[in-house]
Amino acid sequence: MHVLYADNHLLVVYKPGGLPVQADASGDEDLLTQGKVWIRKDKNKPGDVYLGLVHRLDRPARGVVVLARTSKAAARLSLQFREHTLEKLYRVAVHGKPRQLSGTLRDWLESDERGSRIVAPDRGKESLLDYRVLHSDGARSELEVTLRTGRKHQIRCQLAALGHPVLGDLRYGAPQPLADRCIALLAWRLTLTHPTTQERMTFLAPEVSGWPWDPRG
């Protein structure tokens, strides 16, 4: 387990692509279970331990995830997510090059177990994100994305609807998979307020530089 930060209230980790954040029907190993095992070993806490999941990251994506070590921390972090006082930045590689080099996408999304789709405003939930192009070779581009709402598959669905599916994201229109069967979506920076000290804290994914492809190299 790649631990970025740990104290009595928080466990901040890096989730690799392909790992689910919590147990699902596949029966595969999951991040939440890994975190509990790590706490038992590192903190010498036998038996069951509390670890709260306060946000999610799609299984084929990778990046920073914060877990709560107490119920009080979980409640306070969840409030930050609801009030959008946490800052979540993503690096995303997509097919093509957006016509506008920066902008805001506003759509209404409807979700089910199969994924998300854009629908009429009276059927879906408003979904907002900001993006800017970091660099591009025309065929592919790397974007920085800031989420202003947190809908299921929001980045993947909205960028695909714009005509620029995420590399490797076969579900939303990418023409071929990546070698590792994951998608080029990295939750690369998370900024939050510590639930007890009120300190503003920022955590970065380890592979920010040059990820996931650099046309200049």
N, C-alpha and C. Protein backbone atom coordinates (compact mmCIF):
# COMPACT_ATOMS: atom_id res chain seq x y z
N MET A 1 0.84 -1.19 0.00
CA MET A 1 0.00 0.00 0.00
C MET A 1 0.87 1.24 0.00
N HIS A 2 0.55 2.19 -0.87
CA HIS A 2 1.33 3.42 -0.98
C HIS A 2 0.66 4.50 -0.13
N VAL A 3 1.18 4.70 1.08
CA VAL A 3 0.61 5.66 2.02
C VAL A 3 1.29 7.01 1.81
N LEU A 4 0.51 8.06 1.58
CA LEU A 4 1.03 9.41 1.41
C LEU A 4 1.05 10.18 2.73
N TYR A 5 0.10 9.85 3.63
CA TYR A 5 0.02 10.55 4.92
C TYR A 5 -0.86 9.72 5.85
N ALA A 6 -0.50 9.71 7.12
CA ALA A 6 -1.33 9.02 8.11
C ALA A 6 -1.19 9.69 9.46
N ASP A 7 -2.32 9.85 10.16
CA ASP A 7 -2.32 10.26 11.56
C ASP A 7 -3.51 9.56 12.22
N ASN A 8 -3.91 10.01 13.39
CA ASN A 8 -5.01 9.34 14.10
C ASN A 8 -6.38 9.60 13.47
N HIS A 9 -6.45 10.50 12.49
CA HIS A 9 -7.73 10.87 11.91
C HIS A 9 -7.83 10.57 10.41
N LEU A 10 -6.70 10.62 9.72
CA LEU A 10 -6.68 10.47 8.27
C LEU A 10 -5.73 9.38 7.82
N LEU A 11 -6.08 8.76 6.72
CA LEU A 11 -5.16 7.89 5.99
C LEU A 11 -5.29 8.28 4.52
N VAL A 12 -4.25 8.89 3.98
CA VAL A 12 -4.26 9.33 2.59
C VAL A 12 -3.35 8.41 1.79
N VAL A 13 -3.89 7.84 0.73
CA VAL A 13 -3.17 6.81 -0.01
C VAL A 13 -3.23 7.08 -1.51
N TYR A 14 -2.35 6.39 -2.22
CA TYR A 14 -2.37 6.40 -3.68
C TYR A 14 -3.03 5.10 -4.15
N LYS A 15 -4.10 5.23 -4.94
CA LYS A 15 -4.78 4.05 -5.49
C LYS A 15 -4.26 3.77 -6.90
N PRO A 16 -3.72 2.59 -7.14
CA PRO A 16 -3.31 2.27 -8.51
C PRO A 16 -4.51 1.95 -9.38
N GLY A 17 -4.34 2.06 -10.67
CA GLY A 17 -5.40 1.72 -11.60
C GLY A 17 -5.74 0.24 -11.52
N GLY A 18 -7.02 -0.07 -11.64
CA GLY A 18 -7.46 -1.46 -11.61
C GLY A 18 -7.88 -1.96 -10.25
N LEU A 19 -7.61 -1.19 -9.20
CA LEU A 19 -7.97 -1.58 -7.84
C LEU A 19 -9.27 -0.91 -7.44
N PRO A 20 -10.31 -1.66 -7.06
CA PRO A 20 -11.54 -1.02 -6.60
C PRO A 20 -11.33 -0.38 -5.23
N VAL A 21 -12.06 0.71 -4.94
CA VAL A 21 -11.90 1.36 -3.65
C VAL A 21 -12.55 0.55 -2.53
N GLN A 22 -13.59 -0.22 -2.84
CA GLN A 22 -14.19 -1.08 -1.83
C GLN A 22 -14.62 -2.38 -2.47
N ALA A 23 -14.90 -3.37 -1.65
CA ALA A 23 -15.24 -4.69 -2.15
C ALA A 23 -16.46 -4.64 -3.06
N ASP A 24 -16.41 -5.42 -4.14
CA ASP A 24 -17.54 -5.50 -5.06
C ASP A 24 -17.78 -6.95 -5.44
N ALA A 25 -18.66 -7.16 -6.40
CA ALA A 25 -19.05 -8.51 -6.77
C ALA A 25 -17.91 -9.33 -7.35
N SER A 26 -16.85 -8.65 -7.82
CA SER A 26 -15.72 -9.38 -8.41
C SER A 26 -14.96 -10.20 -7.38
N GLY A 27 -15.03 -9.79 -6.11
CA GLY A 27 -14.27 -10.48 -5.08
C GLY A 27 -12.79 -10.12 -5.08
N ASP A 28 -12.38 -9.16 -5.92
CA ASP A 28 -10.97 -8.76 -5.99
C ASP A 28 -10.57 -7.97 -4.75
N GLU A 29 -9.29 -7.94 -4.50
CA GLU A 29 -8.75 -7.14 -3.41
C GLU A 29 -9.16 -5.68 -3.61
N ASP A 30 -9.40 -4.96 -2.51
CA ASP A 30 -9.85 -3.57 -2.62
C ASP A 30 -9.05 -2.66 -1.69
N LEU A 31 -9.12 -1.37 -1.99
CA LEU A 31 -8.32 -0.37 -1.27
C LEU A 31 -8.71 -0.27 0.20
N LEU A 32 -10.00 -0.29 0.51
CA LEU A 32 -10.45 -0.14 1.89
C LEU A 32 -9.94 -1.28 2.75
N THR A 33 -10.00 -2.49 2.25
CA THR A 33 -9.50 -3.65 2.99
C THR A 33 -7.98 -3.55 3.17
N GLN A 34 -7.28 -3.13 2.12
CA GLN A 34 -5.84 -2.94 2.23
C GLN A 34 -5.50 -1.93 3.33
N GLY A 35 -6.29 -0.84 3.39
CA GLY A 35 -6.05 0.18 4.40
C GLY A 35 -6.22 -0.35 5.81
N LYS A 36 -7.24 -1.17 6.03
CA LYS A 36 -7.45 -1.75 7.35
C LYS A 36 -6.31 -2.67 7.74
N VAL A 37 -5.82 -3.46 6.79
CA VAL A 37 -4.69 -4.34 7.05
C VAL A 37 -3.46 -3.53 7.41
N TRP A 38 -3.24 -2.44 6.67
CA TRP A 38 -2.07 -1.59 6.94
C TRP A 38 -2.15 -1.00 8.35
N ILE A 39 -3.32 -0.53 8.77
CA ILE A 39 -3.46 0.05 10.10
C ILE A 39 -3.18 -0.99 11.17
N ARG A 40 -3.72 -2.19 11.00
CA ARG A 40 -3.48 -3.25 12.00
C ARG A 40 -1.99 -3.51 12.16
N LYS A 41 -1.27 -3.55 11.05
CA LYS A 41 0.16 -3.88 11.11
C LYS A 41 0.99 -2.68 11.57
N ASP A 42 0.79 -1.52 10.93
CA ASP A 42 1.63 -0.37 11.22
C ASP A 42 1.35 0.22 12.59
N LYS A 43 0.08 0.23 13.00
CA LYS A 43 -0.29 0.83 14.28
C LYS A 43 -0.47 -0.22 15.38
N ASN A 44 -0.20 -1.47 15.05
CA ASN A 44 -0.30 -2.56 16.02
C ASN A 44 -1.68 -2.59 16.68
N LYS A 45 -2.72 -2.62 15.84
CA LYS A 45 -4.09 -2.64 16.32
C LYS A 45 -4.74 -3.96 15.91
N PRO A 46 -4.75 -4.94 16.77
CA PRO A 46 -5.36 -6.23 16.42
C PRO A 46 -6.88 -6.11 16.33
N GLY A 47 -7.48 -7.05 15.62
CA GLY A 47 -8.94 -7.06 15.51
C GLY A 47 -9.44 -6.09 14.46
N ASP A 48 -10.73 -5.81 14.52
CA ASP A 48 -11.35 -4.94 13.53
C ASP A 48 -10.98 -3.49 13.81
N VAL A 49 -10.77 -2.70 12.74
CA VAL A 49 -10.46 -1.28 12.87
C VAL A 49 -11.46 -0.49 12.03
N TYR A 50 -11.69 0.75 12.42
CA TYR A 50 -12.59 1.60 11.65
C TYR A 50 -11.81 2.30 10.55
N LEU A 51 -12.37 2.30 9.37
CA LEU A 51 -11.83 3.07 8.26
C LEU A 51 -12.99 3.46 7.36
N GLY A 52 -13.25 4.76 7.26
CA GLY A 52 -14.43 5.23 6.53
C GLY A 52 -14.10 5.69 5.12
N LEU A 53 -14.92 5.29 4.17
CA LEU A 53 -14.79 5.71 2.78
C LEU A 53 -15.66 6.95 2.56
N VAL A 54 -15.03 8.09 2.24
CA VAL A 54 -15.78 9.35 2.12
C VAL A 54 -15.88 9.85 0.69
N HIS A 55 -15.13 9.24 -0.24
CA HIS A 55 -15.28 9.55 -1.66
C HIS A 55 -14.77 8.37 -2.46
N ARG A 56 -14.97 8.41 -3.76
CA ARG A 56 -14.64 7.27 -4.60
C ARG A 56 -13.75 7.71 -5.77
N LEU A 57 -13.10 6.72 -6.34
CA LEU A 57 -12.32 6.92 -7.54
C LEU A 57 -12.55 5.69 -8.40
N ASP A 58 -12.92 5.89 -9.65
CA ASP A 58 -13.28 4.77 -10.52
C ASP A 58 -12.17 3.72 -10.54
N ARG A 59 -12.57 2.47 -10.62
CA ARG A 59 -11.63 1.36 -10.59
C ARG A 59 -10.50 1.50 -11.61
N PRO A 60 -10.77 1.85 -12.88
CA PRO A 60 -9.67 1.92 -13.84
C PRO A 60 -8.83 3.20 -13.75
N ALA A 61 -9.22 4.14 -12.88
CA ALA A 61 -8.44 5.36 -12.68
C ALA A 61 -7.45 5.17 -11.55
N ARG A 62 -6.55 6.13 -11.41
CA ARG A 62 -5.55 6.07 -10.35
C ARG A 62 -5.44 7.42 -9.67
N GLY A 63 -4.87 7.44 -8.46
CA GLY A 63 -4.63 8.73 -7.83
C GLY A 63 -4.87 8.75 -6.33
N VAL A 64 -4.99 9.97 -5.80
CA VAL A 64 -5.06 10.22 -4.36
C VAL A 64 -6.47 9.94 -3.83
N VAL A 65 -6.53 9.19 -2.73
CA VAL A 65 -7.78 8.91 -2.04
C VAL A 65 -7.56 9.15 -0.55
N VAL A 66 -8.50 9.86 0.10
CA VAL A 66 -8.43 10.06 1.55
C VAL A 66 -9.46 9.16 2.22
N LEU A 67 -9.04 8.49 3.29
CA LEU A 67 -9.89 7.63 4.10
C LEU A 67 -9.91 8.19 5.52
N ALA A 68 -11.03 7.99 6.20
CA ALA A 68 -11.20 8.54 7.55
C ALA A 68 -10.96 7.45 8.59
N ARG A 69 -10.17 7.77 9.61
CA ARG A 69 -9.85 6.78 10.65
C ARG A 69 -10.79 6.85 11.84
N THR A 70 -11.66 7.86 11.89
CA THR A 70 -12.67 7.94 12.94
C THR A 70 -13.99 8.36 12.31
N SER A 71 -15.08 8.07 13.01
CA SER A 71 -16.39 8.46 12.49
C SER A 71 -16.54 9.98 12.46
N LYS A 72 -15.93 10.68 13.42
CA LYS A 72 -15.98 12.15 13.43
C LYS A 72 -15.26 12.71 12.22
N ALA A 73 -14.09 12.15 11.90
CA ALA A 73 -13.35 12.60 10.72
C ALA A 73 -14.15 12.32 9.46
N ALA A 74 -14.81 11.16 9.40
CA ALA A 74 -15.62 10.81 8.23
C ALA A 74 -16.74 11.81 8.02
N ALA A 75 -17.42 12.18 9.10
CA ALA A 75 -18.52 13.13 9.00
C ALA A 75 -18.04 14.50 8.54
N ARG A 76 -16.91 14.95 9.07
CA ARG A 76 -16.41 16.28 8.71
C ARG A 76 -15.85 16.31 7.29
N LEU A 77 -15.21 15.23 6.87
CA LEU A 77 -14.73 15.17 5.49
C LEU A 77 -15.89 15.08 4.51
N SER A 78 -16.91 14.30 4.85
CA SER A 78 -18.09 14.19 3.99
C SER A 78 -18.76 15.55 3.82
N LEU A 79 -18.79 16.34 4.89
CA LEU A 79 -19.36 17.68 4.80
C LEU A 79 -18.56 18.55 3.83
N GLN A 80 -17.23 18.43 3.86
CA GLN A 80 -16.40 19.19 2.94
C GLN A 80 -16.69 18.80 1.49
N PHE A 81 -16.92 17.52 1.25
CA PHE A 81 -17.26 17.09 -0.10
C PHE A 81 -18.62 17.66 -0.52
N ARG A 82 -19.60 17.61 0.39
CA ARG A 82 -20.93 18.12 0.05
C ARG A 82 -20.91 19.62 -0.21
N GLU A 83 -20.11 20.35 0.56
CA GLU A 83 -20.06 21.80 0.43
C GLU A 83 -19.01 22.26 -0.58
N HIS A 84 -18.30 21.30 -1.20
CA HIS A 84 -17.32 21.57 -2.25
C HIS A 84 -16.19 22.48 -1.75
N THR A 85 -15.80 22.29 -0.49
CA THR A 85 -14.66 23.04 0.03
C THR A 85 -13.35 22.28 -0.15
N LEU A 86 -13.42 21.02 -0.54
CA LEU A 86 -12.22 20.31 -0.95
C LEU A 86 -11.92 20.67 -2.40
N GLU A 87 -10.64 20.68 -2.75
CA GLU A 87 -10.23 20.95 -4.12
C GLU A 87 -9.68 19.66 -4.72
N LYS A 88 -10.29 19.21 -5.82
CA LYS A 88 -9.86 17.99 -6.49
C LYS A 88 -9.43 18.33 -7.91
N LEU A 89 -8.17 18.10 -8.20
CA LEU A 89 -7.64 18.33 -9.53
C LEU A 89 -7.21 17.01 -10.16
N TYR A 90 -7.47 16.89 -11.45
CA TYR A 90 -7.17 15.66 -12.18
C TYR A 90 -6.30 15.97 -13.39
N ARG A 91 -5.48 15.01 -13.77
CA ARG A 91 -4.80 15.02 -15.06
C ARG A 91 -5.47 13.94 -15.91
N VAL A 92 -5.84 14.30 -17.13
CA VAL A 92 -6.58 13.39 -18.00
C VAL A 92 -6.00 13.49 -19.40
N ALA A 93 -5.68 12.35 -20.01
CA ALA A 93 -5.25 12.32 -21.41
C ALA A 93 -6.43 11.87 -22.25
N VAL A 94 -6.72 12.61 -23.31
CA VAL A 94 -7.89 12.35 -24.15
C VAL A 94 -7.49 12.26 -25.61
N HIS A 95 -8.38 11.69 -26.39
CA HIS A 95 -8.20 11.67 -27.84
C HIS A 95 -8.55 13.04 -28.41
N GLY A 96 -7.75 13.49 -29.38
CA GLY A 96 -8.02 14.75 -30.05
C GLY A 96 -7.61 15.95 -29.23
N LYS A 97 -7.99 17.12 -29.73
CA LYS A 97 -7.67 18.38 -29.07
C LYS A 97 -8.94 19.24 -28.99
N PRO A 98 -9.36 19.61 -27.79
CA PRO A 98 -10.55 20.46 -27.67
C PRO A 98 -10.41 21.76 -28.46
N ARG A 99 -11.50 22.20 -29.06
CA ARG A 99 -11.48 23.43 -29.85
C ARG A 99 -11.10 24.62 -29.00
N GLN A 100 -11.64 24.67 -27.79
CA GLN A 100 -11.27 25.73 -26.85
C GLN A 100 -10.23 25.16 -25.88
N LEU A 101 -9.16 25.91 -25.64
CA LEU A 101 -8.07 25.42 -24.81
C LEU A 101 -8.41 25.43 -23.32
N SER A 102 -9.48 26.09 -22.95
CA SER A 102 -9.97 26.03 -21.57
C SER A 102 -11.45 26.32 -21.60
N GLY A 103 -12.15 25.88 -20.57
CA GLY A 103 -13.58 26.12 -20.54
C GLY A 103 -14.25 25.41 -19.40
N THR A 104 -15.54 25.59 -19.31
CA THR A 104 -16.38 24.94 -18.31
C THR A 104 -17.42 24.09 -19.02
N LEU A 105 -17.57 22.85 -18.60
CA LEU A 105 -18.60 21.96 -19.15
C LEU A 105 -19.75 21.87 -18.15
N ARG A 106 -20.94 22.11 -18.65
CA ARG A 106 -22.15 22.04 -17.81
C ARG A 106 -23.15 21.13 -18.50
N ASP A 107 -23.43 20.01 -17.85
CA ASP A 107 -24.37 19.02 -18.38
C ASP A 107 -25.23 18.50 -17.23
N TRP A 108 -26.25 17.73 -17.59
CA TRP A 108 -27.06 17.04 -16.59
C TRP A 108 -26.89 15.55 -16.81
N LEU A 109 -26.46 14.85 -15.75
CA LEU A 109 -26.13 13.44 -15.86
C LEU A 109 -27.14 12.57 -15.13
N GLU A 110 -27.43 11.43 -15.75
CA GLU A 110 -28.25 10.37 -15.16
C GLU A 110 -27.38 9.14 -15.08
N SER A 111 -27.42 8.44 -13.95
CA SER A 111 -26.53 7.30 -13.74
C SER A 111 -27.30 6.06 -13.32
N ASP A 112 -26.72 4.90 -13.64
CA ASP A 112 -27.20 3.62 -13.14
C ASP A 112 -25.99 2.70 -13.03
N GLU A 113 -26.21 1.40 -12.86
CA GLU A 113 -25.10 0.48 -12.64
C GLU A 113 -24.20 0.36 -13.88
N ARG A 114 -24.69 0.75 -15.04
CA ARG A 114 -23.90 0.64 -16.27
C ARG A 114 -23.02 1.86 -16.51
N GLY A 115 -23.32 2.98 -15.86
CA GLY A 115 -22.54 4.19 -16.07
C GLY A 115 -23.41 5.42 -16.05
N SER A 116 -22.96 6.48 -16.74
CA SER A 116 -23.67 7.75 -16.77
C SER A 116 -23.92 8.18 -18.20
N ARG A 117 -24.92 9.03 -18.36
CA ARG A 117 -25.25 9.57 -19.67
C ARG A 117 -25.81 10.98 -19.48
N ILE A 118 -25.65 11.80 -20.51
CA ILE A 118 -26.17 13.16 -20.47
C ILE A 118 -27.63 13.14 -20.89
N VAL A 119 -28.46 13.81 -20.10
CA VAL A 119 -29.91 13.82 -20.33
C VAL A 119 -30.42 15.25 -20.21
N ALA A 120 -31.74 15.41 -20.38
CA ALA A 120 -32.37 16.72 -20.23
C ALA A 120 -32.28 17.18 -18.77
N PRO A 121 -32.27 18.50 -18.55
CA PRO A 121 -32.14 19.03 -17.19
C PRO A 121 -33.17 18.50 -16.20
N ASP A 122 -34.39 18.21 -16.66
CA ASP A 122 -35.42 17.75 -15.73
C ASP A 122 -35.26 16.28 -15.35
N ARG A 123 -34.30 15.59 -15.97
CA ARG A 123 -34.09 14.17 -15.68
C ARG A 123 -32.80 13.89 -14.91
N GLY A 124 -31.82 14.76 -15.03
CA GLY A 124 -30.51 14.47 -14.45
C GLY A 124 -30.07 15.47 -13.41
N LYS A 125 -28.84 15.27 -12.90
CA LYS A 125 -28.23 16.16 -11.92
C LYS A 125 -27.23 17.07 -12.61
N GLU A 126 -27.27 18.34 -12.25
CA GLU A 126 -26.34 19.29 -12.85
C GLU A 126 -24.90 18.86 -12.56
N SER A 127 -24.05 18.90 -13.59
CA SER A 127 -22.67 18.45 -13.48
C SER A 127 -21.75 19.49 -14.10
N LEU A 128 -20.81 19.98 -13.32
CA LEU A 128 -19.92 21.06 -13.74
C LEU A 128 -18.47 20.66 -13.56
N LEU A 129 -17.66 20.97 -14.56
CA LEU A 129 -16.21 20.82 -14.42
C LEU A 129 -15.53 21.90 -15.24
N ASP A 130 -14.32 22.26 -14.83
CA ASP A 130 -13.47 23.19 -15.56
C ASP A 130 -12.29 22.41 -16.12
N TYR A 131 -11.85 22.77 -17.31
CA TYR A 131 -10.69 22.09 -17.88
C TYR A 131 -9.78 23.12 -18.56
N ARG A 132 -8.52 22.73 -18.72
CA ARG A 132 -7.60 23.49 -19.55
C ARG A 132 -6.62 22.51 -20.18
N VAL A 133 -6.22 22.78 -21.40
CA VAL A 133 -5.29 21.93 -22.13
C VAL A 133 -3.87 22.27 -21.68
N LEU A 134 -3.14 21.26 -21.21
CA LEU A 134 -1.75 21.46 -20.80
C LEU A 134 -0.81 21.37 -21.98
N HIS A 135 -0.99 20.37 -22.81
CA HIS A 135 -0.25 20.26 -24.07
C HIS A 135 -0.96 19.25 -24.96
N SER A 136 -0.62 19.32 -26.26
CA SER A 136 -1.31 18.47 -27.22
C SER A 136 -0.45 18.29 -28.46
N ASP A 137 -0.59 17.13 -29.11
CA ASP A 137 0.03 16.95 -30.42
C ASP A 137 -1.03 16.88 -31.51
N GLY A 138 -2.26 17.25 -31.16
CA GLY A 138 -3.36 17.21 -32.11
C GLY A 138 -4.15 15.93 -32.03
N ALA A 139 -3.45 14.79 -32.02
CA ALA A 139 -4.12 13.50 -31.92
C ALA A 139 -4.54 13.19 -30.50
N ARG A 140 -3.75 13.67 -29.56
CA ARG A 140 -4.03 13.45 -28.14
C ARG A 140 -3.70 14.71 -27.36
N SER A 141 -4.38 14.87 -26.25
CA SER A 141 -4.15 16.05 -25.42
C SER A 141 -4.15 15.65 -23.96
N GLU A 142 -3.40 16.37 -23.17
CA GLU A 142 -3.45 16.19 -21.72
C GLU A 142 -4.12 17.41 -21.10
N LEU A 143 -5.13 17.15 -20.28
CA LEU A 143 -5.92 18.21 -19.67
C LEU A 143 -5.73 18.21 -18.16
N GLU A 144 -5.89 19.39 -17.57
CA GLU A 144 -6.08 19.51 -16.13
C GLU A 144 -7.56 19.79 -15.92
N VAL A 145 -8.18 19.00 -15.07
CA VAL A 145 -9.63 19.11 -14.84
C VAL A 145 -9.89 19.38 -13.36
N THR A 146 -10.74 20.36 -13.11
CA THR A 146 -11.20 20.64 -11.75
C THR A 146 -12.68 20.30 -11.66
N LEU A 147 -13.02 19.40 -10.76
CA LEU A 147 -14.42 19.02 -10.57
C LEU A 147 -15.11 20.02 -9.66
N ARG A 148 -16.27 20.49 -10.11
CA ARG A 148 -17.08 21.37 -9.27
C ARG A 148 -18.29 20.64 -8.72
N THR A 149 -18.60 19.48 -9.26
CA THR A 149 -19.59 18.56 -8.69
C THR A 149 -18.98 17.17 -8.75
N GLY A 150 -19.57 16.23 -8.05
CA GLY A 150 -18.97 14.90 -7.99
C GLY A 150 -19.93 13.81 -8.41
N ARG A 151 -20.21 13.73 -9.71
CA ARG A 151 -21.15 12.72 -10.21
C ARG A 151 -20.40 11.47 -10.66
N LYS A 152 -21.11 10.38 -10.73
CA LYS A 152 -20.54 9.11 -11.17
C LYS A 152 -20.00 9.25 -12.60
N HIS A 153 -18.73 8.88 -12.79
CA HIS A 153 -18.09 8.89 -14.11
C HIS A 153 -18.18 10.26 -14.77
N GLN A 154 -18.24 11.32 -13.98
CA GLN A 154 -18.51 12.64 -14.54
C GLN A 154 -17.48 13.08 -15.57
N ILE A 155 -16.20 13.01 -15.22
CA ILE A 155 -15.16 13.45 -16.14
C ILE A 155 -15.20 12.63 -17.42
N ARG A 156 -15.31 11.32 -17.25
CA ARG A 156 -15.30 10.42 -18.41
C ARG A 156 -16.48 10.70 -19.34
N CYS A 157 -17.65 10.87 -18.77
CA CYS A 157 -18.86 11.07 -19.56
C CYS A 157 -18.87 12.43 -20.24
N GLN A 158 -18.52 13.49 -19.51
CA GLN A 158 -18.58 14.82 -20.08
C GLN A 158 -17.53 15.04 -21.16
N LEU A 159 -16.32 14.53 -20.96
CA LEU A 159 -15.29 14.70 -21.99
C LEU A 159 -15.62 13.88 -23.23
N ALA A 160 -16.20 12.70 -23.04
CA ALA A 160 -16.62 11.90 -24.19
C ALA A 160 -17.71 12.62 -24.98
N ALA A 161 -18.65 13.25 -24.27
CA ALA A 161 -19.72 13.99 -24.94
C ALA A 161 -19.18 15.19 -25.70
N LEU A 162 -18.06 15.73 -25.23
CA LEU A 162 -17.40 16.84 -25.92
C LEU A 162 -16.70 16.36 -27.19
N GLY A 163 -16.57 15.04 -27.33
CA GLY A 163 -15.89 14.47 -28.48
C GLY A 163 -14.47 14.05 -28.21
N HIS A 164 -14.09 13.98 -26.92
CA HIS A 164 -12.71 13.67 -26.55
C HIS A 164 -12.69 12.63 -25.43
N PRO A 165 -12.95 11.35 -25.76
CA PRO A 165 -12.94 10.33 -24.72
C PRO A 165 -11.56 10.15 -24.10
N VAL A 166 -11.55 9.74 -22.84
CA VAL A 166 -10.31 9.47 -22.13
C VAL A 166 -9.60 8.28 -22.77
N LEU A 167 -8.29 8.36 -22.91
CA LEU A 167 -7.52 7.26 -23.48
C LEU A 167 -7.79 5.97 -22.70
N GLY A 168 -8.09 4.91 -23.43
CA GLY A 168 -8.32 3.61 -22.81
C GLY A 168 -9.72 3.39 -22.29
N ASP A 169 -10.59 4.40 -22.36
CA ASP A 169 -11.92 4.29 -21.75
C ASP A 169 -12.92 3.75 -22.78
N LEU A 170 -12.90 2.44 -22.96
CA LEU A 170 -13.76 1.81 -23.96
C LEU A 170 -15.24 2.04 -23.67
N ARG A 171 -15.60 2.15 -22.39
CA ARG A 171 -17.01 2.35 -22.03
C ARG A 171 -17.56 3.64 -22.60
N TYR A 172 -16.71 4.66 -22.72
CA TYR A 172 -17.18 5.96 -23.18
C TYR A 172 -16.57 6.36 -24.53
N GLY A 173 -16.23 5.38 -25.34
CA GLY A 173 -15.93 5.68 -26.74
C GLY A 173 -14.48 5.68 -27.17
N ALA A 174 -13.53 5.37 -26.29
CA ALA A 174 -12.14 5.28 -26.74
C ALA A 174 -12.00 4.12 -27.73
N PRO A 175 -11.22 4.28 -28.79
CA PRO A 175 -11.15 3.24 -29.82
C PRO A 175 -10.33 2.01 -29.45
N GLN A 176 -9.42 2.13 -28.49
CA GLN A 176 -8.63 0.96 -28.10
C GLN A 176 -8.23 1.08 -26.62
N PRO A 177 -7.96 -0.07 -25.99
CA PRO A 177 -7.55 -0.03 -24.58
C PRO A 177 -6.09 0.37 -24.44
N LEU A 178 -5.72 0.76 -23.23
CA LEU A 178 -4.31 0.96 -22.90
C LEU A 178 -3.70 -0.40 -22.54
N ALA A 179 -2.39 -0.44 -22.52
CA ALA A 179 -1.70 -1.71 -22.28
C ALA A 179 -2.05 -2.32 -20.93
N ASP A 180 -2.28 -1.46 -19.92
CA ASP A 180 -2.58 -1.98 -18.58
C ASP A 180 -4.07 -2.15 -18.34
N ARG A 181 -4.89 -1.93 -19.38
CA ARG A 181 -6.36 -2.05 -19.31
C ARG A 181 -7.00 -1.02 -18.39
N CYS A 182 -6.25 0.01 -18.01
CA CYS A 182 -6.80 1.09 -17.18
C CYS A 182 -7.13 2.27 -18.09
N ILE A 183 -7.43 3.43 -17.51
CA ILE A 183 -7.72 4.62 -18.30
C ILE A 183 -6.78 5.74 -17.87
N ALA A 184 -6.57 6.70 -18.76
CA ALA A 184 -5.61 7.78 -18.51
C ALA A 184 -6.25 8.90 -17.71
N LEU A 185 -6.67 8.58 -16.50
CA LEU A 185 -7.30 9.54 -15.60
C LEU A 185 -6.62 9.42 -14.25
N LEU A 186 -6.00 10.50 -13.82
CA LEU A 186 -5.23 10.54 -12.58
C LEU A 186 -5.78 11.61 -11.65
N ALA A 187 -6.24 11.20 -10.46
CA ALA A 187 -6.60 12.17 -9.41
C ALA A 187 -5.29 12.64 -8.78
N TRP A 188 -4.76 13.75 -9.28
CA TRP A 188 -3.37 14.06 -8.96
C TRP A 188 -3.18 15.02 -7.80
N ARG A 189 -4.21 15.80 -7.44
CA ARG A 189 -4.04 16.70 -6.29
C ARG A 189 -5.34 16.81 -5.51
N LEU A 190 -5.24 16.66 -4.20
CA LEU A 190 -6.39 16.78 -3.31
C LEU A 190 -6.02 17.72 -2.18
N THR A 191 -6.83 18.77 -2.00
CA THR A 191 -6.61 19.73 -0.92
C THR A 191 -7.81 19.72 -0.01
N LEU A 192 -7.58 19.56 1.29
CA LEU A 192 -8.67 19.46 2.25
C LEU A 192 -8.30 20.19 3.53
N THR A 193 -9.30 20.37 4.38
CA THR A 193 -9.08 20.92 5.71
C THR A 193 -9.07 19.77 6.71
N HIS A 194 -8.00 19.68 7.50
CA HIS A 194 -7.90 18.59 8.46
C HIS A 194 -9.10 18.63 9.41
N PRO A 195 -9.73 17.48 9.66
CA PRO A 195 -10.98 17.47 10.43
C PRO A 195 -10.86 17.90 11.89
N THR A 196 -9.66 17.90 12.45
CA THR A 196 -9.52 18.33 13.85
C THR A 196 -8.63 19.56 14.00
N THR A 197 -7.51 19.62 13.27
CA THR A 197 -6.60 20.76 13.44
C THR A 197 -7.02 21.97 12.60
N GLN A 198 -7.88 21.75 11.61
CA GLN A 198 -8.32 22.79 10.67
C GLN A 198 -7.21 23.28 9.76
N GLU A 199 -6.09 22.57 9.74
CA GLU A 199 -5.01 22.92 8.83
C GLU A 199 -5.39 22.57 7.40
N ARG A 200 -5.06 23.46 6.47
CA ARG A 200 -5.29 23.20 5.06
C ARG A 200 -4.14 22.34 4.55
N MET A 201 -4.46 21.20 3.94
CA MET A 201 -3.43 20.23 3.55
C MET A 201 -3.62 19.84 2.09
N THR A 202 -2.51 19.68 1.37
CA THR A 202 -2.53 19.28 -0.03
C THR A 202 -1.71 18.01 -0.22
N PHE A 203 -2.27 17.07 -0.97
CA PHE A 203 -1.60 15.80 -1.24
C PHE A 203 -1.52 15.59 -2.74
N LEU A 204 -0.35 15.13 -3.20
CA LEU A 204 -0.10 14.96 -4.62
C LEU A 204 0.18 13.49 -4.95
N ALA A 205 -0.32 13.06 -6.09
CA ALA A 205 0.03 11.73 -6.59
C ALA A 205 1.51 11.73 -6.97
N PRO A 206 2.17 10.58 -6.87
CA PRO A 206 3.62 10.55 -7.09
C PRO A 206 4.05 10.76 -8.52
N GLU A 207 3.18 10.50 -9.53
CA GLU A 207 3.65 10.54 -10.91
C GLU A 207 3.14 11.76 -11.67
N VAL A 208 3.08 12.91 -11.02
CA VAL A 208 2.54 14.10 -11.67
C VAL A 208 3.40 14.48 -12.89
N SER A 209 4.70 14.46 -12.76
CA SER A 209 5.57 14.92 -13.82
C SER A 209 5.52 14.00 -15.04
N GLY A 210 5.12 14.57 -16.17
CA GLY A 210 5.14 13.83 -17.42
C GLY A 210 4.08 12.76 -17.56
N TRP A 211 3.07 12.77 -16.68
CA TRP A 211 2.07 11.70 -16.74
C TRP A 211 0.95 12.10 -17.69
N PRO A 212 0.33 11.15 -18.43
CA PRO A 212 0.78 9.76 -18.63
C PRO A 212 1.55 9.63 -19.92
N TRP A 213 1.70 10.76 -20.61
CA TRP A 213 2.39 10.76 -21.90
C TRP A 213 2.82 12.16 -22.19
N ASP A 214 4.00 12.31 -22.73
CA ASP A 214 4.52 13.65 -22.98
C ASP A 214 4.93 13.74 -24.45
N PRO A 215 4.12 14.43 -25.28
CA PRO A 215 4.44 14.49 -26.71
C PRO A 215 5.75 15.22 -26.99
N ARG A 216 6.23 15.99 -26.01
CA ARG A 216 7.50 16.70 -26.22
C ARG A 216 8.70 15.78 -26.08
N GLY A 217 8.47 14.59 -25.45
CA GLY A 217 9.60 13.67 -25.24
C GLY A 217 9.62 12.58 -26.27
